[in-house]
Amino acid sequence: MKKVLFAAILLMAVSFTNSASAQTKIGYFDDQSVIALFPGIQEKLDTILNSFAKDTLQDEYNYTLKSYQVKDSIYKKDSVDLSKRPKALEMATTELNQLKYKLINWQQYQQEAMQQKQEAVLLPYRQKIAQALNEVVAEQKYNLVLKADALSPYAQPSIADNLTIRVAMKLKLALPKEVEDAFKAATGGAPAKTAAPAKKG
């Protein structure tokens, strides 16, 4: 009885899987690859981030270091007086330790600040990409979109389901010729009309 029940459940599971796979259209996408296709994006990022590191962050480091040195000097000078006032001693110690911690961990702080600055610069690009992706998903009737890096290296899906390419074409970004040719061959040239760059003048 148990074997029959197990067989019935297994058959139902297989049937459901086959039915689901027949109805579910899955695409894969990598937004970083699309961002890299925007003309001059890397140069723009390098210029802004270098300026941010050299000016803003260097000024902040110098100010933090100077503040620490001044407060450390005052702390040592007034240590006897502060020891008679526990609350004042606690506040002065906390403030000094915060500055010291920031200086000791400056490299990590700087990396996080640079990452935040980069994301702020890339936000308008990400918004354009997200809008284009939504349009592609709706037009092509995809039910599920996976991140490209989540795919198994042992099971490569069809290039026709590479939404990175479709989004790049939607945004009229230049693709390597071999990629565009392979995509058109796999799709019968279906999205060619979105790939054509806008005519000037």
C-alpha atoms as a PDB file:
ATOM      1  CA  MET A   1       0.000   0.000   0.000  1.00  0.00           C
ATOM      2  CA  LYS A   2       2.814   2.378   0.937  1.00  0.00           C
ATOM      3  CA  LYS A   3       4.627   1.629  -2.354  1.00  0.00           C
ATOM      4  CA  VAL A   4       1.462   2.384  -4.345  1.00  0.00           C
ATOM      5  CA  LEU A   5       0.894   5.628  -2.398  1.00  0.00           C
ATOM      6  CA  PHE A   6       4.551   6.672  -2.884  1.00  0.00           C
ATOM      7  CA  ALA A   7       4.322   5.908  -6.621  1.00  0.00           C
ATOM      8  CA  ALA A   8       1.146   7.966  -6.910  1.00  0.00           C
ATOM      9  CA  ILE A   9       2.757  10.935  -5.105  1.00  0.00           C
ATOM     10  CA  LEU A  10       5.874  10.648  -7.270  1.00  0.00           C
ATOM     11  CA  LEU A  11       3.745  10.572 -10.427  1.00  0.00           C
ATOM     12  CA  MET A  12       1.835  13.656  -9.275  1.00  0.00           C
ATOM     13  CA  ALA A  13       5.103  15.460  -8.473  1.00  0.00           C
ATOM     14  CA  VAL A  14       6.581  14.654 -11.881  1.00  0.00           C
ATOM     15  CA  SER A  15       3.376  15.705 -13.623  1.00  0.00           C
ATOM     16  CA  PHE A  16       3.296  18.959 -11.655  1.00  0.00           C
ATOM     17  CA  THR A  17       6.971  19.660 -12.426  1.00  0.00           C
ATOM     18  CA  ASN A  18       6.451  19.012 -16.135  1.00  0.00           C
ATOM     19  CA  SER A  19       3.334  21.172 -16.159  1.00  0.00           C
ATOM     20  CA  ALA A  20       5.048  23.981 -14.256  1.00  0.00           C
ATOM     21  CA  SER A  21       8.117  23.921 -16.489  1.00  0.00           C
ATOM     22  CA  ALA A  22       5.895  23.993 -19.563  1.00  0.00           C
ATOM     23  CA  GLN A  23       4.070  27.080 -18.292  1.00  0.00           C
ATOM     24  CA  THR A  24       6.909  28.910 -16.569  1.00  0.00           C
ATOM     25  CA  LYS A  25       9.176  31.054 -18.717  1.00  0.00           C
ATOM     26  CA  ILE A  26      12.470  31.740 -16.952  1.00  0.00           C
ATOM     27  CA  GLY A  27      15.023  34.377 -17.906  1.00  0.00           C
ATOM     28  CA  TYR A  28      18.350  35.333 -16.389  1.00  0.00           C
ATOM     29  CA  PHE A  29      19.825  38.777 -15.907  1.00  0.00           C
ATOM     30  CA  ASP A  30      22.979  40.602 -14.785  1.00  0.00           C
ATOM     31  CA  ASP A  31      22.616  44.349 -14.222  1.00  0.00           C
ATOM     32  CA  GLN A  32      26.377  44.895 -13.805  1.00  0.00           C
ATOM     33  CA  SER A  33      26.937  43.720 -17.375  1.00  0.00           C
ATOM     34  CA  VAL A  34      24.374  46.231 -18.636  1.00  0.00           C
ATOM     35  CA  ILE A  35      25.896  49.090 -16.611  1.00  0.00           C
ATOM     36  CA  ALA A  36      29.302  48.341 -18.137  1.00  0.00           C
ATOM     37  CA  LEU A  37      27.828  48.922 -21.615  1.00  0.00           C
ATOM     38  CA  PHE A  38      26.890  52.571 -20.989  1.00  0.00           C
ATOM     39  CA  PRO A  39      29.352  54.727 -22.966  1.00  0.00           C
ATOM     40  CA  GLY A  40      31.983  56.396 -20.758  1.00  0.00           C
ATOM     41  CA  ILE A  41      30.553  54.973 -17.525  1.00  0.00           C
ATOM     42  CA  GLN A  42      33.881  53.677 -16.190  1.00  0.00           C
ATOM     43  CA  GLU A  43      35.671  56.951 -16.897  1.00  0.00           C
ATOM     44  CA  LYS A  44      32.851  58.888 -15.201  1.00  0.00           C
ATOM     45  CA  LEU A  45      32.984  56.627 -12.159  1.00  0.00           C
ATOM     46  CA  ASP A  46      36.778  56.849 -11.920  1.00  0.00           C
ATOM     47  CA  THR A  47      36.727  60.660 -12.131  1.00  0.00           C
ATOM     48  CA  ILE A  48      34.000  61.098  -9.505  1.00  0.00           C
ATOM     49  CA  LEU A  49      35.382  58.490  -7.083  1.00  0.00           C
ATOM     50  CA  ASN A  50      38.967  59.742  -7.357  1.00  0.00           C
ATOM     51  CA  SER A  51      37.796  63.294  -6.655  1.00  0.00           C
ATOM     52  CA  PHE A  52      35.642  62.076  -3.744  1.00  0.00           C
ATOM     53  CA  ALA A  53      38.562  60.152  -2.201  1.00  0.00           C
ATOM     54  CA  LYS A  54      41.087  62.942  -2.728  1.00  0.00           C
ATOM     55  CA  ASP A  55      38.938  65.844  -1.588  1.00  0.00           C
ATOM     56  CA  THR A  56      35.986  64.848   0.617  1.00  0.00           C
ATOM     57  CA  LEU A  57      37.401  61.749   2.327  1.00  0.00           C
ATOM     58  CA  GLN A  58      40.933  63.114   2.739  1.00  0.00           C
ATOM     59  CA  ASP A  59      39.534  66.292   4.305  1.00  0.00           C
ATOM     60  CA  GLU A  60      37.368  64.189   6.629  1.00  0.00           C
ATOM     61  CA  TYR A  61      40.372  62.073   7.644  1.00  0.00           C
ATOM     62  CA  ASN A  62      42.498  65.148   8.363  1.00  0.00           C
ATOM     63  CA  TYR A  63      39.677  66.713  10.407  1.00  0.00           C
ATOM     64  CA  THR A  64      39.109  63.488  12.371  1.00  0.00           C
ATOM     65  CA  LEU A  65      42.826  63.107  13.089  1.00  0.00           C
ATOM     66  CA  LYS A  66      43.133  66.724  14.221  1.00  0.00           C
ATOM     67  CA  SER A  67      40.052  66.374  16.429  1.00  0.00           C
ATOM     68  CA  TYR A  68      41.480  63.238  18.006  1.00  0.00           C
ATOM     69  CA  GLN A  69      44.837  64.885  18.698  1.00  0.00           C
ATOM     70  CA  VAL A  70      43.225  67.956  20.276  1.00  0.00           C
ATOM     71  CA  LYS A  71      40.772  65.957  22.402  1.00  0.00           C
ATOM     72  CA  ASP A  72      43.466  63.471  23.438  1.00  0.00           C
ATOM     73  CA  SER A  73      45.673  66.341  24.566  1.00  0.00           C
ATOM     74  CA  ILE A  74      42.816  67.902  26.566  1.00  0.00           C
ATOM     75  CA  TYR A  75      41.894  64.498  28.006  1.00  0.00           C
ATOM     76  CA  LYS A  76      45.421  63.896  29.301  1.00  0.00           C
ATOM     77  CA  LYS A  77      45.717  67.440  30.631  1.00  0.00           C
ATOM     78  CA  ASP A  78      42.358  67.320  32.444  1.00  0.00           C
ATOM     79  CA  SER A  79      42.484  63.644  33.504  1.00  0.00           C
ATOM     80  CA  VAL A  80      42.848  64.468  37.222  1.00  0.00           C
ATOM     81  CA  ASP A  81      39.932  66.897  37.132  1.00  0.00           C
ATOM     82  CA  LEU A  82      37.818  64.522  35.018  1.00  0.00           C
ATOM     83  CA  SER A  83      38.403  61.650  37.429  1.00  0.00           C
ATOM     84  CA  LYS A  84      36.472  63.630  40.054  1.00  0.00           C
ATOM     85  CA  ARG A  85      33.486  63.925  37.707  1.00  0.00           C
ATOM     86  CA  PRO A  86      32.483  60.405  36.588  1.00  0.00           C
ATOM     87  CA  LYS A  87      29.871  61.532  34.012  1.00  0.00           C
ATOM     88  CA  ALA A  88      32.223  64.013  32.376  1.00  0.00           C
ATOM     89  CA  LEU A  89      34.976  61.380  32.333  1.00  0.00           C
ATOM     90  CA  GLU A  90      32.635  58.861  30.714  1.00  0.00           C
ATOM     91  CA  MET A  91      31.562  61.334  28.005  1.00  0.00           C
ATOM     92  CA  ALA A  92      35.138  62.436  27.269  1.00  0.00           C
ATOM     93  CA  THR A  93      36.340  58.812  27.120  1.00  0.00           C
ATOM     94  CA  THR A  94      33.488  57.772  24.811  1.00  0.00           C
ATOM     95  CA  GLU A  95      34.092  60.678  22.455  1.00  0.00           C
ATOM     96  CA  LEU A  96      37.823  60.008  22.312  1.00  0.00           C
ATOM     97  CA  ASN A  97      37.295  56.272  21.723  1.00  0.00           C
ATOM     98  CA  GLN A  98      34.859  56.963  18.875  1.00  0.00           C
ATOM     99  CA  LEU A  99      37.427  59.113  17.078  1.00  0.00           C
ATOM    100  CA  LYS A 100      40.158  56.554  17.748  1.00  0.00           C
ATOM    101  CA  TYR A 101      37.972  53.725  16.428  1.00  0.00           C
ATOM    102  CA  LYS A 102      37.200  55.703  13.259  1.00  0.00           C
ATOM    103  CA  LEU A 103      40.918  56.339  12.640  1.00  0.00           C
ATOM    104  CA  ILE A 104      41.923  52.721  13.309  1.00  0.00           C
ATOM    105  CA  ASN A 105      39.201  51.453  10.986  1.00  0.00           C
ATOM    106  CA  TRP A 106      39.595  54.232   8.435  1.00  0.00           C
ATOM    107  CA  GLN A 107      40.260  51.892   5.502  1.00  0.00           C
ATOM    108  CA  GLN A 108      36.978  50.052   6.049  1.00  0.00           C
ATOM    109  CA  TYR A 109      35.137  53.349   6.605  1.00  0.00           C
ATOM    110  CA  GLN A 110      36.601  54.730   3.372  1.00  0.00           C
ATOM    111  CA  GLN A 111      35.648  51.623   1.381  1.00  0.00           C
ATOM    112  CA  GLU A 112      32.052  51.831   2.627  1.00  0.00           C
ATOM    113  CA  ALA A 113      31.887  55.554   1.834  1.00  0.00           C
ATOM    114  CA  MET A 114      33.270  54.933  -1.656  1.00  0.00           C
ATOM    115  CA  GLN A 115      30.716  52.149  -2.215  1.00  0.00           C
ATOM    116  CA  GLN A 116      27.867  54.455  -1.149  1.00  0.00           C
ATOM    117  CA  LYS A 117      29.153  57.192  -3.459  1.00  0.00           C
ATOM    118  CA  GLN A 118      29.394  54.728  -6.361  1.00  0.00           C
ATOM    119  CA  GLU A 119      25.839  53.525  -5.768  1.00  0.00           C
ATOM    120  CA  ALA A 120      24.619  57.146  -5.720  1.00  0.00           C
ATOM    121  CA  VAL A 121      26.309  57.770  -9.099  1.00  0.00           C
ATOM    122  CA  LEU A 122      24.906  54.537 -10.576  1.00  0.00           C
ATOM    123  CA  LEU A 123      21.352  54.999  -9.262  1.00  0.00           C
ATOM    124  CA  PRO A 124      19.988  56.784 -12.382  1.00  0.00           C
ATOM    125  CA  TYR A 125      21.476  54.034 -14.575  1.00  0.00           C
ATOM    126  CA  ARG A 126      20.004  51.301 -12.370  1.00  0.00           C
ATOM    127  CA  GLN A 127      16.590  52.977 -12.572  1.00  0.00           C
ATOM    128  CA  LYS A 128      16.740  53.011 -16.402  1.00  0.00           C
ATOM    129  CA  ILE A 129      17.819  49.377 -16.415  1.00  0.00           C
ATOM    130  CA  ALA A 130      15.030  48.349 -14.013  1.00  0.00           C
ATOM    131  CA  GLN A 131      12.422  50.071 -16.185  1.00  0.00           C
ATOM    132  CA  ALA A 132      13.768  48.409 -19.345  1.00  0.00           C
ATOM    133  CA  LEU A 133      13.846  45.016 -17.606  1.00  0.00           C
ATOM    134  CA  ASN A 134      10.221  45.388 -16.508  1.00  0.00           C
ATOM    135  CA  GLU A 135       9.229  46.207 -20.088  1.00  0.00           C
ATOM    136  CA  VAL A 136      11.159  43.222 -21.497  1.00  0.00           C
ATOM    137  CA  VAL A 137       9.654  40.841 -18.927  1.00  0.00           C
ATOM    138  CA  ALA A 138       6.144  42.082 -19.748  1.00  0.00           C
ATOM    139  CA  GLU A 139       6.661  42.007 -23.531  1.00  0.00           C
ATOM    140  CA  GLN A 140       8.297  38.576 -23.584  1.00  0.00           C
ATOM    141  CA  LYS A 141       5.965  37.176 -20.884  1.00  0.00           C
ATOM    142  CA  TYR A 142       8.648  35.916 -18.483  1.00  0.00           C
ATOM    143  CA  ASN A 143       7.325  34.465 -15.218  1.00  0.00           C
ATOM    144  CA  LEU A 144      10.638  34.376 -13.379  1.00  0.00           C
ATOM    145  CA  VAL A 145      13.950  36.219 -13.630  1.00  0.00           C
ATOM    146  CA  LEU A 146      17.070  34.753 -12.011  1.00  0.00           C
ATOM    147  CA  LYS A 147      20.335  36.498 -11.307  1.00  0.00           C
ATOM    148  CA  ALA A 148      22.898  35.262 -13.821  1.00  0.00           C
ATOM    149  CA  ASP A 149      25.378  34.367 -11.063  1.00  0.00           C
ATOM    150  CA  ALA A 150      22.785  32.042  -9.489  1.00  0.00           C
ATOM    151  CA  LEU A 151      22.865  29.727 -12.494  1.00  0.00           C
ATOM    152  CA  SER A 152      24.682  26.425 -12.350  1.00  0.00           C
ATOM    153  CA  PRO A 153      27.840  26.373 -14.488  1.00  0.00           C
ATOM    154  CA  TYR A 154      26.862  22.830 -15.539  1.00  0.00           C
ATOM    155  CA  ALA A 155      23.504  23.776 -17.040  1.00  0.00           C
ATOM    156  CA  GLN A 156      23.743  26.703 -19.414  1.00  0.00           C
ATOM    157  CA  PRO A 157      20.330  28.077 -20.423  1.00  0.00           C
ATOM    158  CA  SER A 158      19.563  29.327 -23.903  1.00  0.00           C
ATOM    159  CA  ILE A 159      21.037  32.673 -24.910  1.00  0.00           C
ATOM    160  CA  ALA A 160      17.493  33.543 -26.018  1.00  0.00           C
ATOM    161  CA  ASP A 161      16.574  33.801 -22.323  1.00  0.00           C
ATOM    162  CA  ASN A 162      19.485  36.122 -21.554  1.00  0.00           C
ATOM    163  CA  LEU A 163      17.564  39.226 -20.490  1.00  0.00           C
ATOM    164  CA  THR A 164      20.832  41.136 -20.111  1.00  0.00           C
ATOM    165  CA  ILE A 165      21.069  41.180 -23.907  1.00  0.00           C
ATOM    166  CA  ARG A 166      17.402  42.052 -24.358  1.00  0.00           C
ATOM    167  CA  VAL A 167      17.660  44.952 -21.889  1.00  0.00           C
ATOM    168  CA  ALA A 168      20.851  46.258 -23.539  1.00  0.00           C
ATOM    169  CA  MET A 169      19.039  46.211 -26.887  1.00  0.00           C
ATOM    170  CA  LYS A 170      16.021  47.921 -25.371  1.00  0.00           C
ATOM    171  CA  LEU A 171      18.325  50.708 -24.110  1.00  0.00           C
ATOM    172  CA  LYS A 172      20.105  50.804 -27.510  1.00  0.00           C
ATOM    173  CA  LEU A 173      23.480  50.014 -25.938  1.00  0.00           C
ATOM    174  CA  ALA A 174      26.198  48.620 -28.198  1.00  0.00           C
ATOM    175  CA  LEU A 175      26.825  44.894 -27.763  1.00  0.00           C
ATOM    176  CA  PRO A 176      29.840  42.888 -28.967  1.00  0.00           C
ATOM    177  CA  LYS A 177      29.021  41.759 -32.530  1.00  0.00           C
ATOM    178  CA  GLU A 178      29.472  38.064 -31.729  1.00  0.00           C
ATOM    179  CA  VAL A 179      27.009  38.313 -28.837  1.00  0.00           C
ATOM    180  CA  GLU A 180      24.436  40.145 -30.935  1.00  0.00           C
ATOM    181  CA  ASP A 181      24.850  37.690 -33.824  1.00  0.00           C
ATOM    182  CA  ALA A 182      24.524  34.652 -31.523  1.00  0.00           C
ATOM    183  CA  PHE A 183      21.433  36.146 -29.905  1.00  0.00           C
ATOM    184  CA  LYS A 184      19.783  36.913 -33.258  1.00  0.00           C
ATOM    185  CA  ALA A 185      20.575  33.403 -34.476  1.00  0.00           C
ATOM    186  CA  ALA A 186      18.962  31.908 -31.349  1.00  0.00           C
ATOM    187  CA  THR A 187      15.875  34.107 -31.561  1.00  0.00           C
ATOM    188  CA  GLY A 188      15.460  34.259 -35.306  1.00  0.00           C
ATOM    189  CA  GLY A 189      16.326  37.946 -35.198  1.00  0.00           C
ATOM    190  CA  ALA A 190      13.113  38.718 -33.293  1.00  0.00           C
ATOM    191  CA  PRO A 191      14.365  41.658 -31.237  1.00  0.00           C
ATOM    192  CA  ALA A 192      16.390  43.208 -34.061  1.00  0.00           C
ATOM    193  CA  LYS A 193      14.046  46.198 -34.248  1.00  0.00           C
ATOM    194  CA  THR A 194      14.901  47.195 -30.670  1.00  0.00           C
ATOM    195  CA  ALA A 195      18.602  46.766 -31.339  1.00  0.00           C
ATOM    196  CA  ALA A 196      18.838  49.341 -34.116  1.00  0.00           C
ATOM    197  CA  PRO A 197      20.355  52.606 -32.841  1.00  0.00           C
ATOM    198  CA  ALA A 198      18.332  55.768 -33.289  1.00  0.00           C
ATOM    199  CA  LYS A 199      19.136  57.636 -36.495  1.00  0.00           C
ATOM    200  CA  LYS A 200      20.778  60.997 -36.022  1.00  0.00           C
ATOM    201  CA  GLY A 201      19.459  64.111 -37.661  1.00  0.00           C
END
